[in-house]
Amino acid sequence: MIDSSRFLVSSSDYEAWLAVRAGGVTATAVSKAVTPDGFREVLAQIRNPTPIPDNDYMRFGREQEASLIEKLATQFELEPNDWLIAKDAQELRWQMATPDGLSPGHDLIAEVKTTGRDWGEWRHVPGNYHRQVQWQLYVTGASACVFGWMLREKKNGEMVPGWPGPKFVVVERDDALIERLIEVACNLYRELPLAAS
């Protein structure tokens, strides 16, 4: 169960959500920073924050998110989530994640994506998303994540769902990978302006 004080800010207040995220390490940052090039890229973003330009792919993904969670909720006890959630210990509140869905008891999370290719041929989560999910599991304390994806297609110049609903896999916690991600996150956190002050 997640203490309600750990729900920091909703992404519906996007500016506040971005500001709070900037004071911590998120699943997106950790998942990218495990490689040397990725670490340098994340550090550059920390030291010189620049907004990521929105694009049609990102907009389509956001527009589909609620529907994908709703469809997964027909098979799992899940509700949409747009809250930035912090780790439970006060001194670790800089460790943050925003999973796309949460079960009522918060023991299950969900993450959904739209994609230009079907990952179902391998029935596994692509590496960067697998790391993102593991960080989310660590931060929330959940035991598993329903990872769903839906193919997008272009018809008449517009992006549309390629399937009526998402494919999915259930991802279990990988404590060895989580330990590695914690180490990466601590290295990133030392570079945050707030951590240095």
N, C-alpha and C. Protein backbone atom coordinates (compact mmCIF):
# COMPACT_ATOMS: atom_id res chain seq x y z
N MET A 1 0.85 -1.19 0.00
CA MET A 1 0.00 0.00 0.00
C MET A 1 0.89 1.24 0.00
N ILE A 2 0.55 2.22 -0.83
CA ILE A 2 1.34 3.44 -0.92
C ILE A 2 0.73 4.51 -0.04
N ASP A 3 1.56 5.08 0.85
CA ASP A 3 1.16 6.22 1.67
C ASP A 3 0.77 7.37 0.74
N SER A 4 -0.38 8.00 1.01
CA SER A 4 -0.88 9.04 0.10
C SER A 4 0.07 10.22 0.00
N SER A 5 0.93 10.44 1.01
CA SER A 5 1.88 11.55 0.94
C SER A 5 2.94 11.33 -0.13
N ARG A 6 3.06 10.07 -0.58
CA ARG A 6 4.04 9.79 -1.63
C ARG A 6 3.54 10.17 -3.02
N PHE A 7 2.24 10.47 -3.14
CA PHE A 7 1.71 10.96 -4.41
C PHE A 7 2.02 12.45 -4.48
N LEU A 8 3.03 12.81 -5.23
CA LEU A 8 3.59 14.16 -5.16
C LEU A 8 2.80 15.19 -5.95
N VAL A 9 2.53 14.89 -7.21
CA VAL A 9 1.84 15.86 -8.07
C VAL A 9 1.29 15.12 -9.27
N SER A 10 0.14 15.58 -9.76
CA SER A 10 -0.49 14.96 -10.93
C SER A 10 0.02 15.62 -12.20
N SER A 11 0.16 14.84 -13.24
CA SER A 11 0.61 15.41 -14.52
C SER A 11 -0.47 16.28 -15.16
N SER A 12 -1.67 16.30 -14.58
CA SER A 12 -2.69 17.23 -15.07
C SER A 12 -2.24 18.67 -14.82
N ASP A 13 -1.39 18.88 -13.80
CA ASP A 13 -0.72 20.17 -13.58
C ASP A 13 0.68 20.00 -14.15
N TYR A 14 0.78 20.07 -15.46
CA TYR A 14 1.98 19.65 -16.17
C TYR A 14 3.22 20.44 -15.74
N GLU A 15 3.09 21.75 -15.58
CA GLU A 15 4.25 22.56 -15.20
C GLU A 15 4.76 22.16 -13.82
N ALA A 16 3.85 21.98 -12.87
CA ALA A 16 4.25 21.57 -11.52
C ALA A 16 4.86 20.17 -11.56
N TRP A 17 4.28 19.28 -12.35
CA TRP A 17 4.78 17.91 -12.49
C TRP A 17 6.23 17.92 -13.01
N LEU A 18 6.49 18.74 -14.03
CA LEU A 18 7.84 18.85 -14.57
C LEU A 18 8.80 19.41 -13.53
N ALA A 19 8.35 20.41 -12.78
CA ALA A 19 9.21 21.04 -11.78
C ALA A 19 9.59 20.06 -10.68
N VAL A 20 8.63 19.28 -10.20
CA VAL A 20 8.92 18.31 -9.14
C VAL A 20 9.83 17.21 -9.67
N ARG A 21 9.56 16.74 -10.88
CA ARG A 21 10.40 15.70 -11.49
C ARG A 21 11.85 16.14 -11.61
N ALA A 22 12.06 17.43 -11.88
CA ALA A 22 13.42 17.95 -12.07
C ALA A 22 14.25 17.85 -10.80
N GLY A 23 13.60 17.67 -9.64
CA GLY A 23 14.32 17.55 -8.39
C GLY A 23 14.64 16.12 -8.00
N GLY A 24 14.38 15.19 -8.90
CA GLY A 24 14.62 13.79 -8.58
C GLY A 24 15.06 12.99 -9.78
N VAL A 25 15.08 11.68 -9.61
CA VAL A 25 15.48 10.76 -10.69
C VAL A 25 14.27 9.88 -11.01
N THR A 26 13.90 9.87 -12.27
CA THR A 26 12.70 9.17 -12.72
C THR A 26 13.05 7.90 -13.49
N ALA A 27 12.02 7.11 -13.76
CA ALA A 27 12.20 5.86 -14.51
C ALA A 27 12.77 6.12 -15.90
N THR A 28 12.31 7.18 -16.54
CA THR A 28 12.80 7.50 -17.89
C THR A 28 14.29 7.78 -17.87
N ALA A 29 14.73 8.58 -16.88
CA ALA A 29 16.15 8.93 -16.79
C ALA A 29 17.00 7.71 -16.49
N VAL A 30 16.60 6.92 -15.51
CA VAL A 30 17.39 5.75 -15.12
C VAL A 30 17.49 4.75 -16.27
N SER A 31 16.36 4.53 -16.96
CA SER A 31 16.36 3.53 -18.03
C SER A 31 17.33 3.90 -19.15
N LYS A 32 17.48 5.20 -19.38
CA LYS A 32 18.39 5.66 -20.44
C LYS A 32 19.84 5.68 -19.96
N ALA A 33 20.05 5.97 -18.67
CA ALA A 33 21.39 6.27 -18.16
C ALA A 33 22.24 5.04 -17.87
N VAL A 34 21.75 3.84 -18.12
CA VAL A 34 22.55 2.64 -17.82
C VAL A 34 23.72 2.45 -18.78
N THR A 35 23.66 3.07 -19.95
CA THR A 35 24.79 2.98 -20.88
C THR A 35 25.62 4.27 -20.75
N PRO A 36 26.91 4.21 -21.07
CA PRO A 36 27.74 5.43 -20.97
C PRO A 36 27.18 6.59 -21.80
N ASP A 37 26.79 6.33 -23.04
CA ASP A 37 26.24 7.41 -23.87
C ASP A 37 24.93 7.94 -23.28
N GLY A 38 24.09 7.02 -22.81
CA GLY A 38 22.83 7.43 -22.21
C GLY A 38 23.05 8.25 -20.95
N PHE A 39 24.03 7.85 -20.14
CA PHE A 39 24.33 8.60 -18.91
C PHE A 39 24.76 10.02 -19.25
N ARG A 40 25.62 10.16 -20.26
CA ARG A 40 26.06 11.49 -20.67
C ARG A 40 24.89 12.32 -21.18
N GLU A 41 23.99 11.68 -21.92
CA GLU A 41 22.83 12.39 -22.45
C GLU A 41 21.91 12.87 -21.32
N VAL A 42 21.68 12.01 -20.34
CA VAL A 42 20.83 12.40 -19.21
C VAL A 42 21.50 13.50 -18.40
N LEU A 43 22.81 13.40 -18.18
CA LEU A 43 23.54 14.45 -17.45
C LEU A 43 23.44 15.78 -18.17
N ALA A 44 23.58 15.76 -19.48
CA ALA A 44 23.47 17.00 -20.25
C ALA A 44 22.08 17.62 -20.06
N GLN A 45 21.05 16.78 -20.02
CA GLN A 45 19.68 17.28 -19.82
C GLN A 45 19.52 17.85 -18.41
N ILE A 46 20.15 17.21 -17.41
CA ILE A 46 20.08 17.71 -16.04
C ILE A 46 20.77 19.06 -15.93
N ARG A 47 21.94 19.17 -16.55
CA ARG A 47 22.73 20.40 -16.42
C ARG A 47 22.20 21.54 -17.27
N ASN A 48 21.54 21.20 -18.35
CA ASN A 48 20.99 22.22 -19.23
C ASN A 48 19.59 21.79 -19.66
N PRO A 49 18.60 21.91 -18.74
CA PRO A 49 17.26 21.40 -19.04
C PRO A 49 16.64 22.08 -20.25
N THR A 50 16.21 21.27 -21.18
CA THR A 50 15.50 21.80 -22.35
C THR A 50 14.26 20.95 -22.56
N PRO A 51 13.12 21.59 -22.81
CA PRO A 51 11.90 20.80 -23.01
C PRO A 51 12.02 19.89 -24.23
N ILE A 52 11.49 18.69 -24.08
CA ILE A 52 11.47 17.76 -25.21
C ILE A 52 10.34 18.18 -26.13
N PRO A 53 10.65 18.47 -27.39
CA PRO A 53 9.57 18.93 -28.30
C PRO A 53 8.52 17.85 -28.50
N ASP A 54 7.28 18.27 -28.43
CA ASP A 54 6.17 17.35 -28.63
C ASP A 54 6.11 16.95 -30.10
N ASN A 55 5.59 15.76 -30.37
CA ASN A 55 5.43 15.34 -31.76
C ASN A 55 4.18 14.48 -31.89
N ASP A 56 3.85 14.10 -33.13
CA ASP A 56 2.62 13.34 -33.38
C ASP A 56 2.63 11.98 -32.67
N TYR A 57 3.79 11.35 -32.59
CA TYR A 57 3.88 10.04 -31.94
C TYR A 57 3.58 10.15 -30.45
N MET A 58 4.17 11.17 -29.81
CA MET A 58 3.93 11.38 -28.39
C MET A 58 2.47 11.72 -28.12
N ARG A 59 1.91 12.59 -28.96
CA ARG A 59 0.50 12.98 -28.77
C ARG A 59 -0.41 11.77 -28.93
N PHE A 60 -0.15 10.96 -29.94
CA PHE A 60 -0.97 9.77 -30.17
C PHE A 60 -0.89 8.83 -28.97
N GLY A 61 0.31 8.64 -28.44
CA GLY A 61 0.48 7.78 -27.27
C GLY A 61 -0.31 8.29 -26.08
N ARG A 62 -0.25 9.61 -25.83
CA ARG A 62 -1.00 10.19 -24.72
C ARG A 62 -2.51 10.02 -24.91
N GLU A 63 -2.95 10.23 -26.15
CA GLU A 63 -4.39 10.12 -26.44
C GLU A 63 -4.90 8.70 -26.25
N GLN A 64 -4.06 7.70 -26.48
CA GLN A 64 -4.48 6.30 -26.40
C GLN A 64 -4.34 5.71 -24.99
N GLU A 65 -3.59 6.38 -24.13
CA GLU A 65 -3.22 5.81 -22.83
C GLU A 65 -4.43 5.38 -22.00
N ALA A 66 -5.40 6.26 -21.83
CA ALA A 66 -6.57 5.94 -20.98
C ALA A 66 -7.33 4.75 -21.53
N SER A 67 -7.50 4.72 -22.85
CA SER A 67 -8.22 3.61 -23.48
C SER A 67 -7.47 2.29 -23.29
N LEU A 68 -6.15 2.32 -23.40
CA LEU A 68 -5.36 1.10 -23.23
C LEU A 68 -5.44 0.58 -21.80
N ILE A 69 -5.37 1.49 -20.83
CA ILE A 69 -5.51 1.08 -19.42
C ILE A 69 -6.90 0.52 -19.18
N GLU A 70 -7.90 1.17 -19.76
CA GLU A 70 -9.28 0.71 -19.60
C GLU A 70 -9.45 -0.71 -20.14
N LYS A 71 -8.82 -0.99 -21.27
CA LYS A 71 -8.93 -2.33 -21.86
C LYS A 71 -8.17 -3.37 -21.04
N LEU A 72 -7.01 -2.99 -20.50
CA LEU A 72 -6.27 -3.91 -19.63
C LEU A 72 -7.04 -4.17 -18.33
N ALA A 73 -7.83 -3.17 -17.91
CA ALA A 73 -8.60 -3.29 -16.67
C ALA A 73 -9.74 -4.31 -16.79
N THR A 74 -10.02 -4.78 -18.00
CA THR A 74 -11.02 -5.84 -18.14
C THR A 74 -10.43 -7.19 -17.70
N GLN A 75 -9.09 -7.26 -17.62
CA GLN A 75 -8.44 -8.52 -17.22
C GLN A 75 -7.67 -8.40 -15.91
N PHE A 76 -7.34 -7.16 -15.52
CA PHE A 76 -6.59 -6.92 -14.29
C PHE A 76 -7.26 -5.80 -13.51
N GLU A 77 -7.09 -5.83 -12.20
CA GLU A 77 -7.62 -4.74 -11.37
C GLU A 77 -6.69 -3.55 -11.50
N LEU A 78 -7.00 -2.65 -12.40
CA LEU A 78 -6.14 -1.50 -12.67
C LEU A 78 -6.97 -0.24 -12.80
N GLU A 79 -6.39 0.87 -12.38
CA GLU A 79 -6.99 2.18 -12.57
C GLU A 79 -5.94 3.08 -13.18
N PRO A 80 -6.34 4.06 -13.99
CA PRO A 80 -5.35 4.99 -14.56
C PRO A 80 -4.62 5.76 -13.47
N ASN A 81 -3.37 6.07 -13.73
CA ASN A 81 -2.58 6.88 -12.80
C ASN A 81 -1.84 7.96 -13.56
N ASP A 82 -1.91 9.20 -13.07
CA ASP A 82 -1.11 10.27 -13.65
C ASP A 82 -0.29 10.98 -12.57
N TRP A 83 -0.16 10.34 -11.40
CA TRP A 83 0.57 10.93 -10.29
C TRP A 83 2.03 10.53 -10.30
N LEU A 84 2.88 11.50 -10.01
CA LEU A 84 4.29 11.24 -9.77
C LEU A 84 4.40 10.69 -8.35
N ILE A 85 4.95 9.48 -8.23
CA ILE A 85 5.01 8.78 -6.95
C ILE A 85 6.46 8.72 -6.49
N ALA A 86 6.66 8.97 -5.18
CA ALA A 86 8.01 8.94 -4.61
C ALA A 86 8.24 7.65 -3.83
N LYS A 87 9.49 7.29 -3.66
CA LYS A 87 9.88 6.14 -2.83
C LYS A 87 9.43 6.38 -1.39
N ASP A 88 9.27 5.30 -0.63
CA ASP A 88 8.66 5.41 0.69
C ASP A 88 9.53 6.10 1.74
N ALA A 89 10.82 5.86 1.80
CA ALA A 89 11.66 6.48 2.83
C ALA A 89 11.86 7.96 2.53
N GLN A 90 11.77 8.80 3.57
CA GLN A 90 11.86 10.25 3.39
C GLN A 90 13.13 10.66 2.66
N GLU A 91 14.26 10.02 3.02
CA GLU A 91 15.53 10.41 2.40
C GLU A 91 15.66 9.92 0.96
N LEU A 92 14.68 9.11 0.53
CA LEU A 92 14.70 8.60 -0.86
C LEU A 92 13.58 9.19 -1.70
N ARG A 93 12.95 10.25 -1.23
CA ARG A 93 11.83 10.84 -1.98
C ARG A 93 12.25 11.40 -3.34
N TRP A 94 13.55 11.49 -3.58
CA TRP A 94 14.04 11.93 -4.89
C TRP A 94 13.92 10.81 -5.93
N GLN A 95 13.63 9.60 -5.50
CA GLN A 95 13.42 8.48 -6.42
C GLN A 95 11.94 8.45 -6.79
N MET A 96 11.63 8.67 -8.07
CA MET A 96 10.25 8.92 -8.51
C MET A 96 9.87 8.10 -9.73
N ALA A 97 8.57 7.91 -9.90
CA ALA A 97 8.05 7.22 -11.08
C ALA A 97 6.58 7.58 -11.27
N THR A 98 6.14 7.51 -12.52
CA THR A 98 4.73 7.73 -12.85
C THR A 98 4.24 6.57 -13.70
N PRO A 99 3.92 5.43 -13.09
CA PRO A 99 3.35 4.33 -13.88
C PRO A 99 1.99 4.75 -14.45
N ASP A 100 1.63 4.19 -15.58
CA ASP A 100 0.36 4.57 -16.24
C ASP A 100 -0.86 4.02 -15.52
N GLY A 101 -0.70 2.94 -14.75
CA GLY A 101 -1.83 2.36 -14.05
C GLY A 101 -1.41 1.79 -12.71
N LEU A 102 -2.38 1.72 -11.79
CA LEU A 102 -2.15 1.16 -10.46
C LEU A 102 -3.35 0.30 -10.09
N SER A 103 -3.11 -0.79 -9.38
CA SER A 103 -4.22 -1.55 -8.82
C SER A 103 -4.68 -0.85 -7.54
N PRO A 104 -5.91 -1.12 -7.10
CA PRO A 104 -6.40 -0.46 -5.88
C PRO A 104 -5.50 -0.69 -4.67
N GLY A 105 -4.90 -1.87 -4.55
CA GLY A 105 -3.99 -2.15 -3.44
C GLY A 105 -2.55 -1.75 -3.71
N HIS A 106 -2.29 -1.25 -4.92
CA HIS A 106 -0.98 -0.77 -5.35
C HIS A 106 0.09 -1.87 -5.39
N ASP A 107 -0.34 -3.14 -5.51
CA ASP A 107 0.63 -4.21 -5.64
C ASP A 107 0.89 -4.56 -7.11
N LEU A 108 0.12 -3.96 -8.01
CA LEU A 108 0.27 -4.17 -9.45
C LEU A 108 0.28 -2.80 -10.11
N ILE A 109 1.20 -2.62 -11.06
CA ILE A 109 1.23 -1.39 -11.84
C ILE A 109 1.04 -1.73 -13.31
N ALA A 110 0.86 -0.71 -14.13
CA ALA A 110 0.77 -0.92 -15.58
C ALA A 110 1.56 0.17 -16.29
N GLU A 111 2.11 -0.19 -17.42
CA GLU A 111 2.77 0.75 -18.31
C GLU A 111 2.31 0.40 -19.72
N VAL A 112 1.89 1.42 -20.48
CA VAL A 112 1.40 1.17 -21.84
C VAL A 112 2.15 2.03 -22.84
N LYS A 113 2.31 1.49 -24.04
CA LYS A 113 3.03 2.18 -25.11
C LYS A 113 2.29 1.98 -26.42
N THR A 114 2.47 2.93 -27.33
CA THR A 114 2.10 2.69 -28.72
C THR A 114 3.40 2.56 -29.51
N THR A 115 3.37 1.77 -30.56
CA THR A 115 4.61 1.42 -31.24
C THR A 115 4.39 1.24 -32.74
N GLY A 116 5.44 1.46 -33.48
CA GLY A 116 5.39 1.26 -34.92
C GLY A 116 5.66 -0.17 -35.34
N ARG A 117 6.05 -1.02 -34.37
CA ARG A 117 6.25 -2.44 -34.70
C ARG A 117 5.76 -3.29 -33.53
N ASP A 118 5.40 -4.50 -33.86
CA ASP A 118 4.81 -5.40 -32.87
C ASP A 118 5.91 -6.10 -32.08
N TRP A 119 5.97 -5.82 -30.78
CA TRP A 119 6.95 -6.49 -29.94
C TRP A 119 6.50 -7.89 -29.55
N GLY A 120 5.29 -8.24 -29.90
CA GLY A 120 4.73 -9.52 -29.49
C GLY A 120 5.40 -10.72 -30.12
N GLU A 121 6.14 -10.51 -31.21
CA GLU A 121 6.84 -11.62 -31.84
C GLU A 121 7.84 -12.25 -30.88
N TRP A 122 8.37 -11.42 -29.95
CA TRP A 122 9.37 -11.92 -28.99
C TRP A 122 8.77 -12.14 -27.61
N ARG A 123 7.59 -11.58 -27.38
CA ARG A 123 6.90 -11.69 -26.09
C ARG A 123 7.79 -11.22 -24.93
N HIS A 124 8.57 -10.20 -25.19
CA HIS A 124 9.31 -9.59 -24.09
C HIS A 124 9.33 -8.09 -24.29
N VAL A 125 9.64 -7.40 -23.22
CA VAL A 125 9.64 -5.94 -23.22
C VAL A 125 10.99 -5.44 -23.73
N PRO A 126 11.01 -4.50 -24.68
CA PRO A 126 12.30 -3.95 -25.12
C PRO A 126 13.12 -3.43 -23.94
N GLY A 127 14.45 -3.53 -24.04
CA GLY A 127 15.35 -3.26 -22.93
C GLY A 127 15.12 -1.97 -22.18
N ASN A 128 14.99 -0.85 -22.89
CA ASN A 128 14.82 0.43 -22.19
C ASN A 128 13.50 0.47 -21.43
N TYR A 129 12.46 -0.14 -21.98
CA TYR A 129 11.17 -0.16 -21.28
C TYR A 129 11.19 -1.16 -20.12
N HIS A 130 11.94 -2.23 -20.29
CA HIS A 130 12.07 -3.19 -19.18
C HIS A 130 12.73 -2.51 -17.98
N ARG A 131 13.76 -1.71 -18.23
CA ARG A 131 14.42 -0.99 -17.15
C ARG A 131 13.48 0.05 -16.53
N GLN A 132 12.72 0.74 -17.39
CA GLN A 132 11.75 1.72 -16.89
C GLN A 132 10.75 1.06 -15.95
N VAL A 133 10.24 -0.09 -16.35
CA VAL A 133 9.26 -0.82 -15.54
C VAL A 133 9.88 -1.29 -14.23
N GLN A 134 11.13 -1.77 -14.26
CA GLN A 134 11.77 -2.23 -13.03
C GLN A 134 11.95 -1.09 -12.03
N TRP A 135 12.28 0.09 -12.52
CA TRP A 135 12.39 1.25 -11.63
C TRP A 135 11.02 1.59 -11.03
N GLN A 136 9.99 1.54 -11.86
CA GLN A 136 8.64 1.80 -11.36
C GLN A 136 8.24 0.79 -10.28
N LEU A 137 8.58 -0.47 -10.49
CA LEU A 137 8.28 -1.50 -9.49
C LEU A 137 9.02 -1.21 -8.19
N TYR A 138 10.28 -0.82 -8.30
CA TYR A 138 11.07 -0.50 -7.13
C TYR A 138 10.47 0.69 -6.36
N VAL A 139 10.17 1.77 -7.07
CA VAL A 139 9.67 2.98 -6.41
C VAL A 139 8.31 2.72 -5.75
N THR A 140 7.42 2.06 -6.46
CA THR A 140 6.07 1.85 -5.92
C THR A 140 6.00 0.69 -4.92
N GLY A 141 6.95 -0.23 -4.99
CA GLY A 141 6.90 -1.42 -4.15
C GLY A 141 5.99 -2.50 -4.70
N ALA A 142 5.48 -2.31 -5.92
CA ALA A 142 4.60 -3.31 -6.54
C ALA A 142 5.39 -4.57 -6.87
N SER A 143 4.67 -5.68 -7.00
CA SER A 143 5.34 -6.96 -7.26
C SER A 143 5.39 -7.30 -8.75
N ALA A 144 4.52 -6.68 -9.56
CA ALA A 144 4.50 -6.99 -10.99
C ALA A 144 3.93 -5.82 -11.77
N CYS A 145 4.22 -5.81 -13.06
CA CYS A 145 3.72 -4.76 -13.96
C CYS A 145 3.08 -5.40 -15.18
N VAL A 146 1.89 -4.95 -15.53
CA VAL A 146 1.27 -5.32 -16.80
C VAL A 146 1.79 -4.33 -17.84
N PHE A 147 2.59 -4.83 -18.77
CA PHE A 147 3.15 -3.98 -19.81
C PHE A 147 2.36 -4.22 -21.09
N GLY A 148 1.64 -3.20 -21.55
CA GLY A 148 0.80 -3.33 -22.74
C GLY A 148 1.31 -2.47 -23.88
N TRP A 149 1.11 -2.94 -25.09
CA TRP A 149 1.49 -2.14 -26.25
C TRP A 149 0.48 -2.32 -27.38
N MET A 150 0.35 -1.27 -28.16
CA MET A 150 -0.58 -1.29 -29.28
C MET A 150 0.11 -0.73 -30.52
N LEU A 151 -0.07 -1.41 -31.62
CA LEU A 151 0.50 -0.96 -32.89
C LEU A 151 -0.24 0.28 -33.37
N ARG A 152 0.53 1.23 -33.89
CA ARG A 152 -0.09 2.39 -34.53
C ARG A 152 0.14 2.28 -36.04
N GLU A 153 -0.83 2.79 -36.80
CA GLU A 153 -0.74 2.78 -38.26
C GLU A 153 -1.13 4.15 -38.78
N LYS A 154 -0.71 4.43 -40.01
CA LYS A 154 -1.13 5.68 -40.64
C LYS A 154 -2.17 5.37 -41.70
N LYS A 155 -3.31 6.05 -41.59
CA LYS A 155 -4.36 5.93 -42.59
C LYS A 155 -4.82 7.32 -42.97
N ASN A 156 -4.82 7.58 -44.26
CA ASN A 156 -5.20 8.90 -44.75
C ASN A 156 -4.41 10.01 -44.06
N GLY A 157 -3.11 9.74 -43.82
CA GLY A 157 -2.24 10.74 -43.23
C GLY A 157 -2.38 10.92 -41.73
N GLU A 158 -3.23 10.11 -41.08
CA GLU A 158 -3.41 10.23 -39.64
C GLU A 158 -3.06 8.93 -38.93
N MET A 159 -2.54 9.07 -37.71
CA MET A 159 -2.23 7.88 -36.93
C MET A 159 -3.50 7.32 -36.30
N VAL A 160 -3.64 5.99 -36.41
CA VAL A 160 -4.81 5.31 -35.84
C VAL A 160 -4.34 4.02 -35.18
N PRO A 161 -5.14 3.49 -34.22
CA PRO A 161 -4.77 2.20 -33.63
C PRO A 161 -4.75 1.10 -34.68
N GLY A 162 -3.72 0.26 -34.61
CA GLY A 162 -3.61 -0.87 -35.53
C GLY A 162 -4.37 -2.09 -35.05
N TRP A 163 -4.74 -2.09 -33.77
CA TRP A 163 -5.46 -3.21 -33.17
C TRP A 163 -6.62 -2.66 -32.35
N PRO A 164 -7.62 -3.50 -32.04
CA PRO A 164 -8.71 -3.02 -31.19
C PRO A 164 -8.30 -2.84 -29.73
N GLY A 165 -7.23 -3.48 -29.32
CA GLY A 165 -6.76 -3.36 -27.93
C GLY A 165 -5.31 -3.76 -27.84
N PRO A 166 -4.69 -3.60 -26.66
CA PRO A 166 -3.26 -3.88 -26.54
C PRO A 166 -2.94 -5.36 -26.38
N LYS A 167 -1.76 -5.73 -26.80
CA LYS A 167 -1.15 -6.97 -26.36
C LYS A 167 -0.45 -6.66 -25.04
N PHE A 168 -0.13 -7.68 -24.26
CA PHE A 168 0.53 -7.40 -22.99
C PHE A 168 1.33 -8.60 -22.51
N VAL A 169 2.28 -8.30 -21.63
CA VAL A 169 2.98 -9.32 -20.85
C VAL A 169 3.00 -8.84 -19.40
N VAL A 170 3.10 -9.78 -18.48
CA VAL A 170 3.24 -9.43 -17.07
C VAL A 170 4.72 -9.53 -16.72
N VAL A 171 5.27 -8.43 -16.25
CA VAL A 171 6.70 -8.35 -15.93
C VAL A 171 6.87 -8.46 -14.41
N GLU A 172 7.65 -9.43 -13.98
CA GLU A 172 7.94 -9.60 -12.55
C GLU A 172 9.16 -8.76 -12.16
N ARG A 173 9.28 -8.52 -10.87
CA ARG A 173 10.44 -7.78 -10.36
C ARG A 173 11.73 -8.54 -10.64
N ASP A 174 12.76 -7.79 -10.99
CA ASP A 174 14.10 -8.34 -11.20
C ASP A 174 15.02 -7.59 -10.23
N ASP A 175 15.23 -8.16 -9.04
CA ASP A 175 15.94 -7.44 -7.98
C ASP A 175 17.40 -7.17 -8.34
N ALA A 176 18.02 -8.05 -9.13
CA ALA A 176 19.41 -7.81 -9.53
C ALA A 176 19.48 -6.58 -10.44
N LEU A 177 18.56 -6.47 -11.38
CA LEU A 177 18.54 -5.29 -12.25
C LEU A 177 18.19 -4.04 -11.45
N ILE A 178 17.26 -4.16 -10.51
CA ILE A 178 16.89 -3.01 -9.68
C ILE A 178 18.10 -2.49 -8.92
N GLU A 179 18.95 -3.39 -8.38
CA GLU A 179 20.16 -2.95 -7.68
C GLU A 179 21.07 -2.14 -8.60
N ARG A 180 21.17 -2.59 -9.83
CA ARG A 180 22.00 -1.86 -10.81
C ARG A 180 21.40 -0.48 -11.09
N LEU A 181 20.08 -0.43 -11.21
CA LEU A 181 19.40 0.85 -11.49
C LEU A 181 19.54 1.81 -10.32
N ILE A 182 19.51 1.29 -9.10
CA ILE A 182 19.68 2.16 -7.92
C ILE A 182 21.07 2.80 -7.95
N GLU A 183 22.07 2.02 -8.32
CA GLU A 183 23.44 2.56 -8.41
C GLU A 183 23.50 3.67 -9.46
N VAL A 184 22.89 3.44 -10.62
CA VAL A 184 22.86 4.45 -11.68
C VAL A 184 22.13 5.70 -11.18
N ALA A 185 21.00 5.49 -10.51
CA ALA A 185 20.19 6.61 -10.02
C ALA A 185 20.98 7.44 -9.01
N CYS A 186 21.70 6.79 -8.11
CA CYS A 186 22.50 7.53 -7.12
C CYS A 186 23.58 8.36 -7.80
N ASN A 187 24.20 7.80 -8.84
CA ASN A 187 25.20 8.57 -9.60
C ASN A 187 24.56 9.77 -10.27
N LEU A 188 23.36 9.61 -10.80
CA LEU A 188 22.65 10.74 -11.41
C LEU A 188 22.26 11.78 -10.36
N TYR A 189 21.77 11.30 -9.22
CA TYR A 189 21.28 12.22 -8.19
C TYR A 189 22.38 13.15 -7.70
N ARG A 190 23.59 12.62 -7.64
CA ARG A 190 24.71 13.46 -7.18
C ARG A 190 24.94 14.65 -8.11
N GLU A 191 24.45 14.55 -9.34
CA GLU A 191 24.62 15.62 -10.31
C GLU A 191 23.47 16.64 -10.28
N LEU A 192 22.42 16.34 -9.52
CA LEU A 192 21.30 17.28 -9.46
C LEU A 192 21.67 18.51 -8.66
N PRO A 193 21.26 19.70 -9.12
CA PRO A 193 21.58 20.93 -8.38
C PRO A 193 21.12 20.89 -6.92
N LEU A 194 19.93 20.33 -6.65
CA LEU A 194 19.42 20.28 -5.28
C LEU A 194 20.25 19.37 -4.40
N ALA A 195 20.80 18.30 -4.99
CA ALA A 195 21.58 17.36 -4.20
C ALA A 195 22.91 17.99 -3.77
N ALA A 196 23.43 18.87 -4.61
CA ALA A 196 24.71 19.50 -4.33
C ALA A 196 24.61 20.61 -3.31
N SER A 197 23.42 21.17 -3.11
CA SER A 197 23.27 22.31 -2.22
C SER A 197 23.10 21.90 -0.77
